[in-house]
Each structure stands twice: as structure tokens, then as C-alpha cells.
């Protein structure tokens, strides 16, 4: 990680966008802007306004699709707030603009654009998986002339680095390919994939995106600690992401000398369920010592997952081997949910019916103790935790991360591995 990378001024951001979105490319076109939901740090009001002001006079239609993946839908009011649109403006300046939530589990909203063959999945996964995978995506992609992705790039537990074509898969994808590559990422493991640029999962995402018949463009950006941008890149999703991932690897990875025996990983308010607050584990798992404890501190968090909570309560949080060694028992569960489970629980073994996880994961939230015990997580009452008591104790093997989930921590000894 480095603190010397400068940030862009608001005027510079507007200038880059104005110089990138050329009128001759967008004139008379129907444009679908694909954006993240509120679980990502991003100066969307500035970026959205700059894109809108640049394109408004030249495009035929300009609509917005929230790339939810399997996250809960957002209301019109929430989308407006996220984009910086004031209530009076919605019915005046943006009256003809449509806001869409992706519906990953609604077959009527999806269309198949291709298939990843057994031979392809075997090749991409290095033999870990071998199956035909239907490539389904939100059918809105066929109603527009240009698909414009606007999203940040961070180290990511499933694909290596987020952004780029990930806004199509899983952002606006169907569940078959979503479950396939999340499970592929789980088989490789979070530690084995996070913060690596080119991964088998990235190859799946890029190959699937190439099947989309509509032209794809991307504004990929890298967010600084203060919410401003270190960089903003335009091009195809592949080229823009490529540049942004290089910069993210400089500013979003903190290299440390030794692992920590205890980490207090504080979840920001934007992580309102464990499904996304799990990032507090993903980004820090590489620097937790064997047998150490990672505490996800989230006093505001009330639930495991709106979408997947019931399934998670059935299977719990376990290491990869717990599932692979009992596959007949778990093979009918969505593999995306199984993958999430392994990522939150981390690496471990399952031998002779006994699971041994490398790290103790404790949840300090409003989720009751009995639920934590049921899903195989430790429990702490957040009221009993003095956050400041964890500060400035790195020499003791204790680490406080005040805003966890986006900065990746890794050991210096792994730099050249």
C-alpha cells in the first residue's frame, strides 16, 4: 500500500469523463448505465452527474440498472439518494429515466446468451470443475445499443479484483453461472485468489461477457480512503479494468510483517447484513495467525442475509473441506451460498467427522448468541467491546481495523509467492 498516489479533483473527474464519452460514439444511442448498489464505497453522485451531463444531449435514451447480484432490491428513493438525485429533480430532470433492479431469481427477466461447455470449464478451472454452464443475463441488455458499466475496483474474494465484467457476472446474471464461478472461487479459496489480477474466475467472467451481443463500455475507478478517486479509466470492460486493477493493487493492499493473534474488524454501516459484512473477514484472513481470532464488529447489523438467511441457518459457516468431504449431503444447496459460507469461515480441515478451522471467527452484532452458535460462529455482545482498547497494539499481535472490507491485508512473505 502507498499513500503517495494522488487523488483526482472533481473537475478532473468531469474532464476525464467528458473526454472519454465521445459524442460520435453515443449520439442517438440507447444507453444502459450499470452501477453498483450501496454496499460499495464510491462517489456516485459526482460520477453519475458527470456521465449524465456529458451524454444527456446526445443519447436517445439513458436508463440505470443496479447490478445487485443476489443482494436485496433498492427502492427508487434509495437509488436517487445513492446517485445524488434530489426528490424534485426525479420528476423533472430525470422523469424519462428508468431505474431497474436486477432480478437474479426471476427467469422472466433473464435470457441465455450462450453456454460454457464442459471442455471450457475444465480448461479454465484447471480440472476443478467440468460441466456445461448456461450463461444467462438480464434481458435488458438486448434493449440498448451500449452497456456502460460505472463501478469501482477493489481486491475481491471470489474473482481476485472486482469491477469490469464482474458487473455483468454476477452483477446482472442468472444463478447458474453465479453458482458455478462462486464455487470455483471457493475451491481455490479466498486466500488463494484475493488480490490476484488474473484468476480462473476472472477468465470465466470475461469469457461469459464476450457472449453478450451488445457493445460494452466501462468507467472503472479506484477509490481512496477519503472517498475521492485515485484513478478513473475508460474503455472496454477488459481494458478499463486492467488499468484500474493495477492501481488498486498499489493502494488497496497493505503488506504487514507478521500475522496477528486477534483482529477487531469493524464493519461500516453500508454492510447491513453478514452476507456483505463477511468482507471484514475476507480482506483480513491472510494476516490472522493460526488459531487466532477475527471479530467482525458490527453493532448495527441485525441479520445474516435477507435473501439467503434461511439457507445459511441450515448449513452454517464451515471450511471448504466440510462440504467437499460430505458432498452428497450438500450438493443440492446453491453453490453460491456454500461458497459464501467457506469464505466467511476461512480455511480448515474436515477429517474423521471433525472440522478444524484455522481461524476463530466471532460475530459481535445484534444477531443473537443462539443463532451464532447454530451457524458455527463465535458470539460477542458488541456492548462489551471497547474499540479503543484494540488500538495501537500491533506489537502485541492485536490489530484494529476501523473500516474493514475494502483494504486487503497480506503478509510481506507472500509478495513473491
Protein backbone atom coordinates (compact mmCIF):
# COMPACT_ATOMS: atom_id res chain seq x y z
CA UNK A 1 0.00 0.00 0.00
CA UNK A 2 1.15 3.54 -0.67
CA UNK A 3 -0.12 6.92 0.45
CA UNK A 4 1.69 8.89 -2.24
CA UNK A 5 -0.75 8.20 -5.07
CA UNK A 6 -2.63 11.49 -5.59
CA UNK A 7 -6.38 11.82 -5.90
CA UNK A 8 -8.37 13.46 -8.67
CA UNK A 9 -10.23 16.72 -8.19
CA UNK A 10 -13.92 16.85 -9.05
CA UNK A 11 -13.06 18.97 -12.09
CA UNK A 12 -10.52 16.38 -13.24
CA UNK A 13 -13.11 13.61 -12.90
CA UNK A 14 -15.58 15.57 -15.00
CA UNK A 15 -12.92 16.32 -17.59
CA UNK A 16 -11.88 12.67 -17.93
CA UNK A 17 -15.49 11.61 -18.41
CA UNK A 18 -16.22 14.38 -20.89
CA UNK A 19 -13.14 13.45 -22.93
CA UNK A 20 -13.90 9.71 -22.77
CA UNK A 21 -17.59 9.56 -23.66
CA UNK A 22 -17.29 10.94 -27.16
CA UNK A 23 -20.45 12.27 -28.82
CA UNK A 24 -19.83 10.35 -32.04
CA UNK A 25 -19.87 7.05 -30.14
CA UNK A 26 -23.03 7.77 -28.18
CA UNK A 27 -25.08 10.02 -30.48
CA UNK A 28 -28.64 8.74 -30.88
CA UNK A 29 -27.90 5.60 -28.84
CA UNK A 30 -29.92 3.93 -26.12
CA UNK A 31 -27.57 3.65 -23.16
CA UNK A 32 -27.98 1.41 -20.11
CA UNK A 33 -25.80 2.55 -17.21
CA UNK A 34 -24.90 -0.38 -14.93
CA UNK A 35 -23.95 0.65 -11.40
CA UNK A 36 -23.18 -0.94 -8.01
CA UNK A 37 -25.57 -0.90 -5.10
CA UNK A 38 -24.95 0.90 -1.81
CA UNK A 39 -22.55 -1.76 -0.47
CA UNK A 40 -19.56 -0.27 -2.31
CA UNK A 41 -17.68 2.92 -1.45
CA UNK A 42 -17.98 5.19 -4.48
CA UNK A 43 -18.55 8.92 -5.17
CA UNK A 44 -21.54 8.05 -7.33
CA UNK A 45 -23.23 11.48 -7.14
CA UNK A 46 -20.23 13.10 -8.81
CA UNK A 47 -19.67 10.29 -11.30
CA UNK A 48 -23.31 9.91 -12.24
CA UNK A 49 -23.79 13.64 -12.72
CA UNK A 50 -20.66 13.85 -14.88
CA UNK A 51 -21.82 10.97 -17.07
CA UNK A 52 -25.35 12.34 -17.31
CA UNK A 53 -24.25 15.87 -18.17
CA UNK A 54 -21.89 14.52 -20.84
CA UNK A 55 -24.45 12.27 -22.52
CA UNK A 56 -27.83 13.91 -21.92
CA UNK A 57 -27.93 15.96 -25.12
CA UNK A 58 -26.69 13.23 -27.45
CA UNK A 59 -28.26 9.94 -26.40
CA UNK A 60 -31.73 8.73 -27.34
CA UNK A 61 -32.39 7.01 -24.01
CA UNK A 62 -30.45 6.81 -20.75
CA UNK A 63 -31.52 4.34 -18.05
CA UNK A 64 -29.94 2.81 -14.95
CA UNK A 65 -29.66 -0.82 -13.88
CA UNK A 66 -28.41 -1.64 -10.37
CA UNK A 67 -26.08 -4.65 -10.52
CA UNK A 68 -27.39 -6.29 -7.37
CA UNK A 69 -26.09 -9.80 -7.92
CA UNK A 70 -28.22 -11.52 -5.28
CA UNK A 71 -28.42 -8.50 -2.95
CA UNK A 72 -31.86 -7.12 -1.96
CA UNK A 73 -33.50 -4.62 -4.35
CA UNK A 74 -33.27 -0.88 -3.81
CA UNK A 75 -36.23 1.50 -3.82
CA UNK A 76 -36.48 4.42 -6.22
CA UNK A 77 -35.77 6.75 -3.30
CA UNK A 78 -32.68 4.77 -2.29
CA UNK A 79 -31.34 4.80 -5.84
CA UNK A 80 -31.89 8.54 -6.10
CA UNK A 81 -30.10 9.09 -2.80
CA UNK A 82 -27.18 6.92 -3.93
CA UNK A 83 -26.87 8.84 -7.22
CA UNK A 84 -27.30 12.27 -5.65
CA UNK A 85 -30.64 12.98 -7.33
CA UNK A 86 -32.85 15.26 -5.24
CA UNK A 87 -36.53 14.43 -4.92
CA UNK A 88 -37.80 17.38 -7.04
CA UNK A 89 -35.30 16.53 -9.78
CA UNK A 90 -36.59 12.95 -10.15
CA UNK A 91 -39.88 14.10 -11.64
CA UNK A 92 -38.37 16.96 -13.63
CA UNK A 93 -34.86 16.42 -14.97
CA UNK A 94 -34.99 12.63 -14.74
CA UNK A 95 -38.65 11.98 -15.49
CA UNK A 96 -37.94 9.79 -18.52
CA UNK A 97 -35.06 7.90 -16.92
CA UNK A 98 -35.91 4.39 -15.77
CA UNK A 99 -34.32 2.73 -12.73
CA UNK A 100 -34.12 -1.06 -12.74
CA UNK A 101 -33.13 -3.55 -10.07
CA UNK A 102 -31.59 -6.78 -11.31
CA UNK A 103 -33.74 -9.83 -10.54
CA UNK A 104 -31.37 -12.76 -10.44
CA UNK A 105 -34.07 -15.27 -9.45
CA UNK A 106 -36.77 -14.21 -11.95
CA UNK A 107 -36.49 -16.37 -15.09
CA UNK A 108 -38.78 -13.98 -16.97
CA UNK A 109 -36.18 -11.23 -16.64
CA UNK A 110 -33.30 -13.37 -17.91
CA UNK A 111 -32.09 -14.51 -21.30
CA UNK A 112 -29.47 -17.07 -22.26
CA UNK A 113 -26.69 -15.66 -24.42
CA UNK A 114 -24.53 -18.77 -24.61
CA UNK A 115 -23.08 -21.78 -22.81
CA UNK A 116 -19.73 -22.51 -21.26
CA UNK A 117 -19.01 -26.08 -22.38
CA UNK A 118 -17.58 -28.88 -20.28
CA UNK A 119 -14.33 -28.56 -22.19
CA UNK A 120 -14.15 -24.83 -21.47
CA UNK A 121 -14.92 -25.11 -17.77
CA UNK A 122 -12.43 -27.96 -17.40
CA UNK A 123 -9.76 -25.90 -19.13
CA UNK A 124 -10.45 -22.67 -17.23
CA UNK A 125 -10.71 -24.33 -13.82
CA UNK A 126 -7.65 -26.48 -14.26
CA UNK A 127 -9.78 -29.58 -13.81
CA UNK A 128 -11.50 -28.49 -10.61
CA UNK A 129 -14.88 -28.43 -12.35
CA UNK A 130 -16.16 -29.87 -15.61
CA UNK A 131 -19.73 -29.08 -16.61
CA UNK A 132 -21.90 -27.24 -19.09
CA UNK A 133 -22.93 -23.86 -17.67
CA UNK A 134 -25.77 -21.82 -19.22
CA UNK A 135 -24.80 -18.15 -19.47
CA UNK A 136 -27.92 -16.21 -18.54
CA UNK A 137 -28.15 -12.48 -18.03
CA UNK A 138 -30.71 -9.73 -17.53
CA UNK A 139 -32.61 -9.45 -20.80
CA UNK A 140 -32.45 -5.65 -20.66
CA UNK A 141 -29.00 -5.92 -22.26
CA UNK A 142 -30.75 -6.58 -25.57
CA UNK A 143 -32.87 -3.41 -25.38
CA UNK A 144 -29.95 -0.97 -25.58
CA UNK A 145 -27.23 0.00 -28.01
CA UNK A 146 -24.46 0.44 -25.42
CA UNK A 147 -23.99 -1.07 -21.97
CA UNK A 148 -21.93 1.33 -19.85
CA UNK A 149 -20.52 -0.02 -16.59
CA UNK A 150 -19.71 2.52 -13.87
CA UNK A 151 -18.07 0.85 -10.90
CA UNK A 152 -15.10 0.64 -8.53
CA UNK A 153 -12.29 -1.89 -8.45
CA UNK A 154 -11.16 -3.45 -5.17
CA UNK A 155 -9.44 -6.70 -4.19
CA UNK A 156 -12.14 -9.37 -4.25
CA UNK A 157 -12.51 -12.75 -2.57
CA UNK A 158 -14.08 -14.62 -5.49
CA UNK A 159 -12.58 -13.11 -8.62
CA UNK A 160 -9.29 -11.53 -7.44
CA UNK A 161 -10.20 -7.92 -8.17
CA UNK A 162 -13.76 -6.66 -8.58
CA UNK A 163 -15.05 -4.46 -11.38
CA UNK A 164 -15.09 -4.65 -15.16
CA UNK A 165 -17.09 -7.57 -16.49
CA UNK A 166 -17.98 -8.59 -12.93
CA UNK A 167 -20.79 -6.06 -13.25
CA UNK A 168 -22.34 -8.43 -15.77
CA UNK A 169 -21.41 -11.66 -14.00
CA UNK A 170 -22.64 -11.89 -11.28
CA UNK A 171 -23.92 -8.29 -11.23
CA UNK A 172 -26.81 -8.85 -13.63
CA UNK A 173 -26.51 -12.60 -14.22
CA UNK A 174 -28.63 -15.67 -13.65
CA UNK A 175 -27.96 -18.16 -10.90
CA UNK A 176 -26.36 -20.98 -12.93
CA UNK A 177 -23.18 -19.13 -13.80
CA UNK A 178 -23.25 -17.25 -10.50
CA UNK A 179 -23.25 -20.51 -8.54
CA UNK A 180 -20.63 -22.04 -10.83
CA UNK A 181 -17.92 -19.47 -10.50
CA UNK A 182 -18.53 -18.64 -6.86
CA UNK A 183 -17.96 -22.30 -6.08
CA UNK A 184 -14.89 -22.32 -8.30
CA UNK A 185 -13.56 -19.41 -6.25
CA UNK A 186 -14.36 -21.28 -3.03
CA UNK A 187 -12.45 -24.35 -4.24
CA UNK A 188 -9.42 -22.16 -4.92
CA UNK A 189 -10.09 -20.39 -1.54
CA UNK A 190 -10.24 -16.74 -0.60
CA UNK A 191 -6.58 -16.63 0.41
CA UNK A 192 -5.60 -18.28 -2.85
CA UNK A 193 -7.43 -15.78 -5.05
CA UNK A 194 -7.97 -12.41 -3.37
CA UNK A 195 -5.77 -9.60 -4.68
CA UNK A 196 -4.53 -11.63 -7.67
CA UNK A 197 -5.17 -10.00 -11.01
CA UNK A 198 -5.69 -12.87 -13.44
CA UNK A 199 -7.57 -15.78 -11.92
CA UNK A 200 -9.66 -18.68 -13.26
CA UNK A 201 -12.79 -16.89 -12.07
CA UNK A 202 -11.83 -13.71 -13.95
CA UNK A 203 -11.39 -15.90 -17.04
CA UNK A 204 -14.94 -17.23 -16.58
CA UNK A 205 -16.34 -13.73 -16.18
CA UNK A 206 -14.55 -12.37 -19.25
CA UNK A 207 -15.46 -15.34 -21.44
CA UNK A 208 -19.12 -15.11 -20.45
CA UNK A 209 -19.19 -11.35 -21.07
CA UNK A 210 -17.86 -11.88 -24.60
CA UNK A 211 -21.14 -13.68 -25.34
CA UNK A 212 -23.20 -10.53 -24.77
CA UNK A 213 -24.15 -9.21 -28.23
CA UNK A 214 -24.50 -5.57 -27.16
CA UNK A 215 -21.37 -3.36 -27.19
CA UNK A 216 -19.87 -2.98 -23.69
CA UNK A 217 -18.02 0.02 -22.29
CA UNK A 218 -16.72 0.74 -18.80
CA UNK A 219 -15.69 3.56 -16.50
CA UNK A 220 -13.62 1.76 -13.87
CA UNK A 221 -12.35 3.73 -10.91
CA UNK A 222 -10.18 3.30 -7.82
CA UNK A 223 -11.41 4.84 -4.57
CA UNK A 224 -9.16 6.47 -1.97
CA UNK A 225 -9.63 6.30 1.82
CA UNK A 226 -11.35 9.68 1.82
CA UNK A 227 -13.86 8.65 -0.85
CA UNK A 228 -12.16 10.55 -3.67
CA UNK A 229 -10.65 8.78 -6.67
CA UNK A 230 -7.06 7.76 -7.24
CA UNK A 231 -7.82 6.91 -10.85
CA UNK A 232 -10.57 6.71 -13.48
CA UNK A 233 -10.26 4.70 -16.69
CA UNK A 234 -12.49 4.32 -19.75
CA UNK A 235 -12.57 1.68 -22.44
CA UNK A 236 -13.83 -1.85 -22.86
CA UNK A 237 -14.56 -3.55 -19.54
CA UNK A 238 -11.39 -5.57 -20.03
CA UNK A 239 -9.06 -2.63 -20.76
CA UNK A 240 -10.51 -0.22 -18.19
CA UNK A 241 -10.49 -2.90 -15.50
CA UNK A 242 -6.92 -3.86 -16.40
CA UNK A 243 -5.65 -0.37 -15.62
CA UNK A 244 -7.81 0.05 -12.52
CA UNK A 245 -6.74 -3.32 -11.09
CA UNK A 246 -3.08 -2.35 -11.44
CA UNK A 247 -3.73 0.81 -9.44
CA UNK A 248 -5.91 -0.97 -6.89
CA UNK A 249 -3.08 -3.40 -6.23
CA UNK A 250 -0.94 -0.39 -5.26
CA UNK A 251 -3.40 1.43 -3.00
CA UNK A 252 -5.73 -1.27 -1.64
CA UNK A 253 -3.22 -3.83 -0.33
CA UNK A 254 -1.44 -3.29 2.97
CA UNK A 255 1.59 -5.51 3.46
CA UNK A 256 2.49 -6.45 7.04
CA UNK A 257 5.43 -8.33 8.54
CA UNK A 258 3.69 -10.74 10.91
CA UNK A 259 0.22 -12.25 11.40
CA UNK A 260 -2.00 -11.09 14.27
CA UNK A 261 -3.45 -13.24 17.03
CA UNK A 262 -6.55 -11.07 17.33
CA UNK A 263 -8.17 -8.62 14.92
CA UNK A 264 -11.13 -6.33 15.54
CA UNK A 265 -12.57 -5.84 12.07
CA UNK A 266 -15.13 -3.02 12.17
CA UNK A 267 -17.92 -3.24 9.60
CA UNK A 268 -19.05 0.07 8.05
CA UNK A 269 -22.77 0.89 8.13
CA UNK A 270 -23.13 0.06 4.43
CA UNK A 271 -22.70 -3.60 5.39
CA UNK A 272 -26.16 -4.16 6.84
CA UNK A 273 -26.13 -7.97 6.79
CA UNK A 274 -23.45 -10.62 7.21
CA UNK A 275 -23.72 -11.54 3.53
CA UNK A 276 -21.73 -8.36 2.77
CA UNK A 277 -20.09 -7.83 6.17
CA UNK A 278 -18.25 -11.08 5.51
CA UNK A 279 -15.81 -8.85 3.64
CA UNK A 280 -14.45 -7.93 7.06
CA UNK A 281 -13.13 -11.48 7.20
CA UNK A 282 -12.15 -11.90 3.56
CA UNK A 283 -9.79 -8.93 3.48
CA UNK A 284 -8.06 -9.89 6.73
CA UNK A 285 -7.97 -13.68 6.71
CA UNK A 286 -4.45 -13.72 5.18
CA UNK A 287 -2.98 -11.98 8.25
CA UNK A 288 -4.74 -13.83 11.07
CA UNK A 289 -2.35 -16.17 12.87
CA UNK A 290 -3.12 -19.88 13.07
CA UNK A 291 -5.58 -20.33 15.92
CA UNK A 292 -6.13 -16.58 16.09
CA UNK A 293 -9.45 -14.75 16.34
CA UNK A 294 -11.08 -12.34 13.96
CA UNK A 295 -14.00 -10.38 15.40
CA UNK A 296 -16.50 -8.90 12.97
CA UNK A 297 -17.63 -5.87 14.97
CA UNK A 298 -20.97 -4.68 13.61
CA UNK A 299 -23.27 -3.31 16.35
CA UNK A 300 -25.72 -2.11 13.68
CA UNK A 301 -26.07 -5.49 11.95
CA UNK A 302 -29.33 -7.34 12.64
CA UNK A 303 -29.41 -10.25 10.22
CA UNK A 304 -27.38 -12.83 8.34
CA UNK A 305 -29.00 -12.28 4.93
CA UNK A 306 -32.39 -11.18 3.68
CA UNK A 307 -32.06 -13.30 0.56
CA UNK A 308 -30.14 -16.34 1.79
CA UNK A 309 -30.60 -16.29 5.57
CA UNK A 310 -32.73 -19.42 5.84
CA UNK A 311 -30.28 -21.47 3.80
CA UNK A 312 -27.31 -20.23 5.81
CA UNK A 313 -29.07 -21.17 9.05
CA UNK A 314 -29.47 -24.67 7.62
CA UNK A 315 -25.87 -25.20 6.53
CA UNK A 316 -23.94 -22.88 8.85
CA UNK A 317 -20.47 -21.45 8.25
CA UNK A 318 -17.80 -24.04 7.52
CA UNK A 319 -14.49 -24.55 5.78
CA UNK A 320 -14.33 -25.90 2.24
CA UNK A 321 -13.48 -29.47 3.25
CA UNK A 322 -16.60 -29.69 5.42
CA UNK A 323 -18.65 -29.51 2.23
CA UNK A 324 -16.42 -31.34 -0.24
CA UNK A 325 -15.99 -34.30 2.11
CA UNK A 326 -19.77 -34.54 2.58
CA UNK A 327 -20.82 -33.59 -0.94
CA UNK A 328 -23.82 -35.93 -1.12
CA UNK A 329 -25.26 -34.09 1.87
CA UNK A 330 -24.76 -30.58 0.45
CA UNK A 331 -24.79 -30.98 -3.35
CA UNK A 332 -28.38 -29.73 -3.70
CA UNK A 333 -27.72 -26.41 -1.94
CA UNK A 334 -26.92 -23.37 -4.12
CA UNK A 335 -23.16 -23.38 -4.56
CA UNK A 336 -23.04 -19.61 -4.26
CA UNK A 337 -24.34 -19.94 -0.70
CA UNK A 338 -21.85 -22.71 0.08
CA UNK A 339 -19.08 -20.51 -1.30
CA UNK A 340 -20.10 -17.61 0.93
CA UNK A 341 -20.07 -19.95 3.90
CA UNK A 342 -16.50 -21.08 3.24
CA UNK A 343 -15.26 -17.55 2.64
CA UNK A 344 -16.59 -16.28 5.96
CA UNK A 345 -15.31 -19.29 7.91
CA UNK A 346 -11.93 -19.47 6.20
CA UNK A 347 -9.62 -22.38 5.57
CA UNK A 348 -9.59 -25.58 7.57
CA UNK A 349 -9.81 -29.36 7.52
CA UNK A 350 -12.51 -32.00 7.98
CA UNK A 351 -11.19 -35.40 8.96
CA UNK A 352 -12.94 -38.32 10.68
CA UNK A 353 -16.05 -36.20 11.11
CA UNK A 354 -14.19 -33.40 12.89
CA UNK A 355 -13.88 -29.88 11.46
CA UNK A 356 -10.83 -27.83 12.39
CA UNK A 357 -10.86 -24.26 11.12
CA UNK A 358 -7.63 -22.28 11.06
CA UNK A 359 -9.21 -19.09 12.45
CA UNK A 360 -11.84 -18.41 15.09
CA UNK A 361 -14.49 -16.10 13.63
CA UNK A 362 -16.59 -14.17 16.15
CA UNK A 363 -19.61 -12.05 15.30
CA UNK A 364 -20.32 -9.04 17.53
CA UNK A 365 -23.67 -7.74 16.32
CA UNK A 366 -27.38 -7.83 17.06
CA UNK A 367 -27.56 -11.41 15.78
CA UNK A 368 -28.39 -13.44 18.93
CA UNK A 369 -25.92 -15.82 20.56
CA UNK A 370 -28.08 -18.85 19.83
CA UNK A 371 -28.09 -18.02 16.11
CA UNK A 372 -24.32 -17.56 16.08
CA UNK A 373 -23.88 -20.94 17.75
CA UNK A 374 -26.27 -22.55 15.28
CA UNK A 375 -24.33 -21.26 12.28
CA UNK A 376 -20.92 -22.14 13.74
CA UNK A 377 -19.67 -18.66 14.58
CA UNK A 378 -18.46 -17.29 17.88
CA UNK A 379 -20.54 -14.64 19.66
CA UNK A 380 -19.64 -11.44 21.47
CA UNK A 381 -22.04 -8.83 22.79
CA UNK A 382 -20.86 -5.67 21.00
CA UNK A 383 -21.64 -3.65 24.13
CA UNK A 384 -18.82 -5.46 25.91
CA UNK A 385 -16.23 -4.39 23.34
CA UNK A 386 -14.19 -1.25 23.87
CA UNK A 387 -12.98 -0.50 20.35
CA UNK A 388 -10.19 1.80 21.51
CA UNK A 389 -8.73 -0.93 23.69
CA UNK A 390 -7.64 -2.65 20.46
CA UNK A 391 -5.82 0.41 19.12
CA UNK A 392 -2.03 0.73 18.78
CA UNK A 393 -1.32 -2.83 19.88
CA UNK A 394 0.22 -4.24 16.72
CA UNK A 395 3.40 -5.11 18.62
CA UNK A 396 1.26 -7.35 20.84
CA UNK A 397 -0.25 -9.11 17.85
CA UNK A 398 -3.54 -7.20 18.09
CA UNK A 399 -4.91 -5.19 15.17
CA UNK A 400 -7.77 -2.70 14.97
CA UNK A 401 -9.22 -2.02 11.51
CA UNK A 402 -11.70 0.82 11.84
CA UNK A 403 -13.28 0.49 8.40
CA UNK A 404 -12.88 -3.05 7.17
CA UNK A 405 -13.99 -4.70 3.98
CA UNK A 406 -12.17 -2.90 1.19
CA UNK A 407 -8.48 -2.77 2.17
CA UNK A 408 -6.75 -6.12 1.77
CA UNK A 409 -4.07 -7.13 4.28
CA UNK A 410 -1.37 -9.60 3.25
CA UNK A 411 1.95 -10.82 4.62
CA UNK A 412 5.18 -9.49 3.17
CA UNK A 413 6.42 -13.06 2.87
CA UNK A 414 3.73 -13.65 0.20
CA UNK A 415 4.85 -10.86 -2.13
CA UNK A 416 6.90 -13.07 -4.39
CA UNK A 417 4.95 -16.30 -3.96
